[in-house]
Structures are given as C-alpha cells and as structure tokens.
Amino acid sequence: MFFRVIAKDDIAELVHGFMVDHEVIGPVAKGDDFVFAPIDNASQLRLDYDTTLLPPKKFFLPPKERLMEFSAVDGEAVSSLEPAGPRVMFGLHPCDLNALMLLDNVFLSGYEDPYYKPRRDNTLLVGVSCTPQDTCFCNSFGTDEAHWGFDIFLTDLGDSYFASVRSIQGADLIDHHVKTRMVSDEDVAEFQRVTNKFKDSFSRNVDTSQLPLLLDAKFDDPLWEELGERCLSCGACSMVCPTCYCFDVKDELAANGAEGSRSRKWDSCMFHEFAEVAQRHNFRGSRASRVKYRYYHKQWGYLSKFERVLCVGCARCERACKADINPAVVIEALQAKGSE
C-alpha cells in the first residue's frame, strides 16, 4: 500500500478518468436521502452523504435476478448470466466496505457463486471517510475503519484527500487520471488528527465484548417474546441490511407452458413463510422465534464459522424498523437484564 495526497478540486478529474473505461456508481441525492446509482458526471456525487437507503450489496446481489431459462419440453437450460463490465463503486463508507467482505465469506469461500463472483471481480472499490450519525455504532464492531477490501480509500483532510492505495489497479488509475503529490510529515500528522477526531465523535458505544457469552446465557430469556410481540414481520430490517444474504429461488412457467425461467430474489428470515416446509410445517412459526433466530445468526452463528459477527453497525435497520428493534437496543436490553 502507498499513500498520496489529492486536492479536492481534482477529484472530479479522477472520476471522469474512471469513466473512460468503467461504469461509475456512487452516492447521489434522492429527495432528502441518498442512494447508490450510476453517474455520468462527477457533479452528481455526494461524498458528504450520511448513509444510503440501500447498501451497495444490491450491485453484487441484486434484489431480483434471473438465473437461467429452460425448456419444459426437452429439459434444456441456458444460463442467464450476463458479462459483468468493468465498474468503479466510488464513495463507500468503511462499514459498507467491511460488509462486502462479510458477504465475500458467504459467496466466495468454498463454493463460488457464479453470479456474485464476476461482479466482485470486475468492480473496483473507492472508499471515503465519513462523519458518524447519532445512530451509528460501527465503532462497536470495529468496522469504523477499513484496512483492506478497497482499491483506494480517501480520507477527508479539508482541502484535500489523503489517498490510501491498496491495489495495482487503483495505483494505475490514480497515476493515469489525476495529479497527486507525495505525502509529507504534515499530511501524516493531519491524517492522524482527523482520524482521532473521528474516533472521538461517536455518540453511541455498544459493549459487544462478551456478546457470544451473553447470547448463550439469554437464549430462553423472556425478552425474545417481548420483541416478538412488537415485531411486524415486515422484513424491512433484512431489506436494508448490507450483510443479509438470504434469497429465495423460484421457477416461473410462461403462459404456453413450454418454457420458463428460474430467478432468485432477496428473502428475509423475518417473513412468516421463511422456515415453512412440506405440509406447511413451520420451524419458526412465531414472531419471537424469528427475531431470536435473526440475532443469534448474526451475532453468534456467523461468528462461529467466520470469526466475525454479521453486523457492521450502520444502523440502517434502526432507521427502517417501525417497532424500535435493532442490534443496539437488543444488546443493551440483554445486558440490562443481566445486571438485574
């Protein structure tokens, strides 16, 4: 990894350089909110955004995608996989960069998902520093920083960006498309000052140090029933989560009955039918069991396999949930019960 300083006025030049050979996707305004979307001009980028409505996950695992088309007559099947063109995702916050690495554990380790992999392989990631919102608690999971998982990371120093370059592709793009200068001792000092200020700016700090033990001890706690009473089973938390990866696969026949297609779309463990099997037996028929499963999977099940929890503290679920159920609230409630 090497470091450079880029003047803020030159960022547009870098973005337009990317556009020569890449599709560029970045945060843009949508009413009072922000979304990741393709751009055709650097002026559309809003690097001062707080959090996007949906995470960048949607560009790697789309909400719905066709997997194949088949003939119901002769059984022939043809993949619907479309070539993934080169693209740059510009302006990802550290929590979203960390979230993509958590998804990589699922879709790229062992069996490599043939639809997810080419999108990841053909996408360069440019991260950008952020300002924590009142709801953010990424610092509690160590996802407030990104040390890898990006090609370029830009830390805002005021009039310039401190660029950390981690990949050869990122280095080539910077060398070819923007004017930079070498990092001075003053730049390093300012970078450290900005980083320390960022660390001190979090207003929320959730104690996750003994979380697996806490969950083990509270498996049968009445809190889960209380949360189940409040939960609407709407699945909004899963839909906005940058690390939820459950999907459903369905075949659909055309009206003539001769051909059809197979698609997958996002699913949620909060939906009533998620754990339903033959003869309508449901392994998690109650809302309380579904809420509990979601938290045990994210904070314990995934951890047991990949040694990381499946949460990055972005708080999108908190903003989406109408029942005030979110990781910070649940963890703090369990801890409060433990101290009674």
Protein backbone atom coordinates (compact mmCIF):
# COMPACT_ATOMS: atom_id res chain seq x y z
CA MET A 1 0.00 0.00 0.00
CA PHE A 2 1.20 3.51 -0.73
CA PHE A 3 -0.14 6.98 0.00
CA ARG A 4 -0.74 10.16 -1.95
CA VAL A 5 -2.48 13.50 -1.43
CA ILE A 6 -5.15 14.64 -3.92
CA ALA A 7 -6.57 18.15 -3.94
CA LYS A 8 -10.34 18.16 -3.57
CA ASP A 9 -10.69 20.25 -6.70
CA ASP A 10 -9.06 17.40 -8.65
CA ILE A 11 -11.47 14.64 -7.56
CA ALA A 12 -13.77 15.37 -10.50
CA GLU A 13 -10.81 14.79 -12.81
CA LEU A 14 -10.22 11.39 -11.19
CA VAL A 15 -13.89 10.40 -11.51
CA HIS A 16 -14.07 11.41 -15.16
CA GLY A 17 -10.87 9.46 -15.75
CA PHE A 18 -12.55 6.37 -14.32
CA MET A 19 -15.44 6.87 -16.72
CA VAL A 20 -13.21 6.34 -19.75
CA ASP A 21 -13.20 2.57 -19.29
CA HIS A 22 -15.55 1.96 -16.34
CA GLU A 23 -19.12 2.44 -15.29
CA VAL A 24 -19.02 4.63 -12.18
CA ILE A 25 -21.50 4.13 -9.34
CA GLY A 26 -21.63 6.45 -6.36
CA PRO A 27 -23.83 8.14 -3.75
CA VAL A 28 -26.34 10.59 -5.22
CA ALA A 29 -29.17 12.59 -3.68
CA LYS A 30 -32.71 11.23 -3.87
CA GLY A 31 -35.01 13.76 -2.27
CA ASP A 32 -33.79 14.18 1.29
CA ASP A 33 -31.99 10.83 1.21
CA PHE A 34 -29.11 9.21 -0.67
CA VAL A 35 -28.77 6.14 -2.88
CA PHE A 36 -26.00 4.42 -4.79
CA ALA A 37 -26.62 4.84 -8.51
CA PRO A 38 -24.70 5.02 -11.81
CA ILE A 39 -23.49 8.53 -12.62
CA ASP A 40 -22.39 10.23 -15.83
CA ASN A 41 -20.86 13.32 -14.26
CA ALA A 42 -18.75 13.85 -11.16
CA SER A 43 -21.02 16.71 -10.09
CA GLN A 44 -23.70 14.13 -9.23
CA LEU A 45 -21.56 12.60 -6.48
CA ARG A 46 -22.46 13.50 -2.88
CA LEU A 47 -19.45 12.46 -0.85
CA ASP A 48 -20.90 14.33 2.13
CA TYR A 49 -23.78 11.82 2.42
CA ASP A 50 -24.70 10.22 5.74
CA THR A 51 -25.99 6.72 4.85
CA THR A 52 -27.66 5.43 1.69
CA LEU A 53 -31.13 3.91 1.86
CA LEU A 54 -29.95 0.60 0.42
CA PRO A 55 -26.41 -0.74 0.75
CA PRO A 56 -24.01 -1.33 -2.17
CA LYS A 57 -24.86 -5.04 -1.80
CA LYS A 58 -27.59 -4.57 -4.41
CA PHE A 59 -24.96 -4.21 -7.16
CA PHE A 60 -23.45 -7.60 -6.33
CA LEU A 61 -26.51 -9.49 -5.13
CA PRO A 62 -29.45 -7.80 -6.90
CA PRO A 63 -32.87 -7.75 -5.22
CA LYS A 64 -34.07 -9.99 -8.05
CA GLU A 65 -32.12 -11.63 -10.85
CA ARG A 66 -32.82 -14.26 -13.48
CA LEU A 67 -30.52 -17.26 -13.14
CA MET A 68 -31.48 -19.31 -16.17
CA GLU A 69 -34.09 -20.03 -18.80
CA PHE A 70 -35.30 -23.55 -19.50
CA SER A 71 -37.48 -25.57 -21.81
CA ALA A 72 -40.23 -27.58 -20.16
CA VAL A 73 -40.38 -29.74 -23.28
CA ASP A 74 -36.85 -31.09 -23.69
CA GLY A 75 -35.31 -30.02 -20.38
CA GLU A 76 -32.66 -27.78 -21.97
CA ALA A 77 -31.44 -24.96 -19.72
CA VAL A 78 -29.41 -21.87 -20.58
CA SER A 79 -27.73 -19.63 -18.02
CA SER A 80 -28.91 -16.03 -17.90
CA LEU A 81 -25.57 -14.83 -16.56
CA GLU A 82 -24.63 -11.57 -18.24
CA PRO A 83 -20.98 -10.50 -18.55
CA ALA A 84 -20.01 -8.06 -15.82
CA GLY A 85 -18.40 -4.99 -17.34
CA PRO A 86 -15.66 -3.06 -15.53
CA ARG A 87 -17.02 -0.61 -12.99
CA VAL A 88 -15.96 1.55 -10.07
CA MET A 89 -18.01 1.98 -6.91
CA PHE A 90 -16.98 5.38 -5.64
CA GLY A 91 -17.58 6.69 -2.14
CA LEU A 92 -18.22 3.66 0.07
CA HIS A 93 -18.05 4.22 3.82
CA PRO A 94 -15.91 1.86 5.95
CA CYS A 95 -18.96 -0.01 7.27
CA ASP A 96 -20.09 -0.86 3.72
CA LEU A 97 -16.59 -1.93 2.69
CA ASN A 98 -16.49 -4.27 5.69
CA ALA A 99 -19.99 -5.53 4.84
CA LEU A 100 -18.88 -6.59 1.37
CA MET A 101 -16.03 -8.60 2.86
CA LEU A 102 -18.54 -10.38 5.10
CA LEU A 103 -20.62 -11.23 2.02
CA ASP A 104 -17.48 -12.50 0.30
CA ASN A 105 -17.13 -15.11 3.04
CA VAL A 106 -20.52 -16.50 2.02
CA PHE A 107 -20.37 -16.23 -1.75
CA LEU A 108 -16.66 -16.70 -2.48
CA SER A 109 -15.30 -19.16 0.09
CA GLY A 110 -15.73 -22.83 -0.73
CA TYR A 111 -18.37 -22.75 -3.46
CA GLU A 112 -18.03 -19.59 -5.54
CA ASP A 113 -21.35 -18.14 -6.60
CA PRO A 114 -21.11 -17.77 -10.43
CA TYR A 115 -23.34 -14.68 -10.43
CA TYR A 116 -21.80 -12.82 -7.49
CA LYS A 117 -18.15 -13.54 -8.32
CA PRO A 118 -17.83 -11.82 -11.73
CA ARG A 119 -19.48 -8.69 -10.35
CA ARG A 120 -16.99 -8.58 -7.49
CA ASP A 121 -14.02 -9.37 -9.73
CA ASN A 122 -14.90 -6.58 -12.15
CA THR A 123 -15.61 -3.86 -9.59
CA LEU A 124 -13.01 -1.50 -8.13
CA LEU A 125 -13.89 -0.01 -4.76
CA VAL A 126 -13.09 3.54 -3.71
CA GLY A 127 -13.85 4.25 -0.06
CA VAL A 128 -14.31 7.63 1.57
CA SER A 129 -14.23 8.75 5.21
CA CYS A 130 -17.47 9.76 6.90
CA THR A 131 -18.96 11.63 9.82
CA PRO A 132 -20.78 9.37 12.32
CA GLN A 133 -24.52 9.93 12.74
CA ASP A 134 -26.28 9.67 16.10
CA THR A 135 -27.46 6.16 15.23
CA CYS A 136 -24.10 4.78 14.05
CA PHE A 137 -22.32 2.20 16.19
CA CYS A 138 -19.83 0.72 13.71
CA ASN A 139 -17.12 1.58 16.24
CA SER A 140 -18.58 -1.13 18.50
CA PHE A 141 -17.82 -3.79 15.88
CA GLY A 142 -14.52 -2.40 14.63
CA THR A 143 -15.99 -1.58 11.24
CA ASP A 144 -15.48 2.17 11.53
CA GLU A 145 -12.16 1.67 9.74
CA ALA A 146 -11.24 -0.15 6.54
CA HIS A 147 -7.70 -1.51 6.40
CA TRP A 148 -8.26 -3.71 3.36
CA GLY A 149 -11.07 -4.62 0.97
CA PHE A 150 -10.66 -1.48 -1.15
CA ASP A 151 -8.56 -0.29 -4.07
CA ILE A 152 -8.40 3.36 -2.97
CA PHE A 153 -9.55 4.98 0.26
CA LEU A 154 -9.93 8.75 0.58
CA THR A 155 -9.72 10.44 3.97
CA ASP A 156 -11.04 13.99 4.02
CA LEU A 157 -8.37 16.44 5.26
CA GLY A 158 -10.34 19.59 4.47
CA ASP A 159 -8.94 20.97 1.22
CA SER A 160 -7.50 17.63 0.12
CA TYR A 161 -7.87 13.88 0.44
CA PHE A 162 -5.30 11.54 1.95
CA ALA A 163 -5.41 8.64 -0.53
CA SER A 164 -4.51 5.15 0.66
CA VAL A 165 -3.93 2.97 -2.40
CA ARG A 166 -4.07 -0.77 -1.86
CA SER A 167 -4.24 -2.39 -5.32
CA ILE A 168 -2.24 -2.24 -8.53
CA GLN A 169 -5.40 -1.32 -10.43
CA GLY A 170 -6.05 1.55 -8.03
CA ALA A 171 -2.48 2.78 -8.40
CA ASP A 172 -2.72 2.67 -12.20
CA LEU A 173 -5.95 4.66 -12.22
CA ILE A 174 -4.58 7.35 -9.91
CA ASP A 175 -1.32 7.61 -11.88
CA HIS A 176 -3.16 7.98 -15.18
CA HIS A 177 -6.09 10.20 -14.26
CA VAL A 178 -5.26 12.67 -11.51
CA LYS A 179 -2.48 14.90 -10.27
CA THR A 180 -1.17 13.86 -6.85
CA ARG A 181 1.71 14.73 -4.59
CA MET A 182 3.84 12.77 -2.17
CA VAL A 183 2.76 12.64 1.47
CA SER A 184 4.61 14.97 3.85
CA ASP A 185 5.07 14.70 7.60
CA GLU A 186 2.46 17.44 7.98
CA ASP A 187 -0.01 15.39 5.95
CA VAL A 188 0.55 12.35 8.16
CA ALA A 189 0.07 14.46 11.29
CA GLU A 190 -3.17 15.90 9.90
CA PHE A 191 -4.35 12.42 8.90
CA GLN A 192 -3.77 11.21 12.47
CA ARG A 193 -5.55 14.24 13.91
CA VAL A 194 -8.57 13.73 11.64
CA THR A 195 -8.68 10.02 12.46
CA ASN A 196 -8.56 10.66 16.20
CA LYS A 197 -11.29 13.28 15.92
CA PHE A 198 -13.42 10.80 14.00
CA LYS A 199 -12.92 8.16 16.71
CA ASP A 200 -13.98 10.63 19.39
CA SER A 201 -17.09 11.78 17.53
CA PHE A 202 -19.24 8.69 18.11
CA SER A 203 -22.14 9.42 20.44
CA ARG A 204 -23.09 5.74 20.81
CA ASN A 205 -20.91 2.95 22.13
CA VAL A 206 -22.39 -0.53 22.45
CA ASP A 207 -20.47 -3.03 24.59
CA THR A 208 -20.01 -6.13 22.40
CA SER A 209 -17.00 -7.58 24.24
CA GLN A 210 -18.87 -10.54 25.80
CA LEU A 211 -21.65 -10.83 23.24
CA PRO A 212 -21.39 -14.59 22.47
CA LEU A 213 -21.44 -15.45 26.18
CA LEU A 214 -24.34 -13.08 26.75
CA LEU A 215 -26.37 -14.71 23.98
CA ASP A 216 -25.62 -18.18 25.32
CA ALA A 217 -26.89 -17.13 28.74
CA LYS A 218 -30.01 -15.40 27.41
CA PHE A 219 -31.28 -17.98 24.91
CA ASP A 220 -34.54 -18.54 26.84
CA ASP A 221 -34.93 -15.00 28.12
CA PRO A 222 -38.49 -13.55 28.07
CA LEU A 223 -37.09 -10.58 26.12
CA TRP A 224 -37.45 -12.56 22.89
CA GLU A 225 -41.19 -12.91 23.47
CA GLU A 226 -41.42 -9.19 24.20
CA LEU A 227 -39.62 -8.38 20.95
CA GLY A 228 -41.82 -10.85 19.07
CA GLU A 229 -44.92 -9.02 20.29
CA ARG A 230 -43.58 -5.79 18.82
CA CYS A 231 -42.16 -7.16 15.56
CA LEU A 232 -44.28 -6.60 12.43
CA SER A 233 -42.56 -9.39 10.44
CA CYS A 234 -42.23 -6.90 7.59
CA GLY A 235 -38.62 -7.80 6.78
CA ALA A 236 -37.57 -4.16 6.40
CA CYS A 237 -34.50 -4.81 8.55
CA SER A 238 -33.29 -7.51 6.15
CA MET A 239 -34.03 -5.50 3.02
CA VAL A 240 -31.82 -2.57 4.07
CA CYS A 241 -29.10 -4.64 5.75
CA PRO A 242 -25.71 -4.64 3.98
CA THR A 243 -24.88 -8.16 5.22
CA CYS A 244 -28.15 -10.13 4.97
CA TYR A 245 -27.76 -12.64 2.17
CA CYS A 246 -30.80 -14.95 2.29
CA PHE A 247 -32.59 -15.43 -1.01
CA ASP A 248 -35.44 -17.47 -2.42
CA VAL A 249 -35.32 -19.30 -5.77
CA LYS A 250 -38.44 -19.75 -7.88
CA ASP A 251 -39.27 -21.21 -11.28
CA GLU A 252 -41.87 -19.49 -13.40
CA LEU A 253 -43.52 -21.02 -16.45
CA ALA A 254 -44.55 -18.96 -19.44
CA ALA A 255 -48.24 -18.88 -20.37
CA ASN A 256 -47.68 -21.51 -23.09
CA GLY A 257 -46.24 -23.96 -20.54
CA ALA A 258 -43.36 -24.76 -22.88
CA GLU A 259 -40.61 -22.62 -21.37
CA GLY A 260 -39.82 -20.83 -18.20
CA SER A 261 -37.18 -19.13 -16.11
CA ARG A 262 -35.56 -19.51 -12.72
CA SER A 263 -34.95 -16.40 -10.61
CA ARG A 264 -33.71 -15.60 -7.16
CA LYS A 265 -34.71 -12.67 -5.03
CA TRP A 266 -33.93 -11.34 -1.60
CA ASP A 267 -35.70 -13.15 1.22
CA SER A 268 -35.96 -12.46 4.94
CA CYS A 269 -35.87 -14.73 7.97
CA MET A 270 -38.47 -12.38 9.44
CA PHE A 271 -41.14 -13.48 6.94
CA HIS A 272 -43.65 -15.98 8.30
CA GLU A 273 -43.13 -18.44 5.44
CA PHE A 274 -39.31 -18.34 5.54
CA ALA A 275 -38.93 -21.58 7.56
CA GLU A 276 -42.05 -23.26 6.23
CA VAL A 277 -41.57 -26.73 4.69
CA ALA A 278 -43.75 -29.54 3.31
CA GLN A 279 -47.29 -29.85 4.67
CA ARG A 280 -46.95 -26.28 5.93
CA HIS A 281 -44.88 -27.22 8.97
CA ASN A 282 -43.08 -24.09 10.13
CA PHE A 283 -39.90 -24.40 12.17
CA ARG A 284 -40.18 -20.77 13.24
CA GLY A 285 -43.86 -20.04 13.22
CA SER A 286 -43.80 -17.39 15.94
CA ARG A 287 -42.51 -13.86 15.52
CA ALA A 288 -40.46 -14.25 18.71
CA SER A 289 -38.60 -17.26 17.29
CA ARG A 290 -37.82 -15.37 14.09
CA VAL A 291 -36.50 -12.31 15.91
CA LYS A 292 -34.35 -14.53 18.11
CA TYR A 293 -33.03 -16.54 15.15
CA ARG A 294 -32.03 -13.36 13.31
CA TYR A 295 -29.94 -12.13 16.23
CA TYR A 296 -28.38 -15.48 17.02
CA HIS A 297 -27.41 -15.99 13.41
CA LYS A 298 -25.88 -12.54 13.01
CA GLN A 299 -24.17 -12.28 16.38
CA TRP A 300 -23.31 -15.91 17.06
CA GLY A 301 -23.90 -18.36 14.19
CA TYR A 302 -21.89 -16.47 11.57
CA LEU A 303 -19.24 -15.72 14.20
CA SER A 304 -18.74 -19.42 14.92
CA LYS A 305 -17.88 -20.05 11.26
CA PHE A 306 -16.07 -16.91 10.12
CA GLU A 307 -14.88 -15.36 13.42
CA ARG A 308 -16.73 -12.12 12.66
CA VAL A 309 -20.23 -11.01 13.56
CA LEU A 310 -22.61 -10.37 10.68
CA CYS A 311 -23.28 -6.74 11.60
CA VAL A 312 -21.32 -3.60 10.78
CA GLY A 313 -23.24 -1.10 12.91
CA CYS A 314 -24.53 1.02 10.02
CA ALA A 315 -27.94 1.35 11.76
CA ARG A 316 -29.93 1.11 8.52
CA CYS A 317 -32.19 -1.43 10.24
CA GLU A 318 -32.81 1.00 13.08
CA ARG A 319 -34.00 3.68 10.69
CA ALA A 320 -36.18 1.18 8.79
CA CYS A 321 -37.81 -0.61 11.74
CA LYS A 322 -41.15 0.81 12.90
CA ALA A 323 -41.08 -1.29 16.08
CA ASP A 324 -37.81 0.07 17.51
CA ILE A 325 -36.00 -3.28 17.26
CA ASN A 326 -32.33 -3.06 16.34
CA PRO A 327 -28.99 -4.55 17.43
CA ALA A 328 -28.05 -1.74 19.82
CA VAL A 329 -31.42 -1.86 21.58
CA VAL A 330 -31.45 -5.66 21.80
CA ILE A 331 -27.88 -5.97 23.07
CA GLU A 332 -28.34 -3.24 25.66
CA ALA A 333 -31.63 -4.80 26.82
CA LEU A 334 -29.96 -8.19 27.29
CA GLN A 335 -27.13 -6.60 29.21
CA ALA A 336 -29.57 -4.68 31.41
CA LYS A 337 -31.33 -7.93 32.28
CA GLY A 338 -28.01 -9.48 33.16
CA SER A 339 -27.33 -6.76 35.72
CA GLU A 340 -30.71 -7.06 37.44
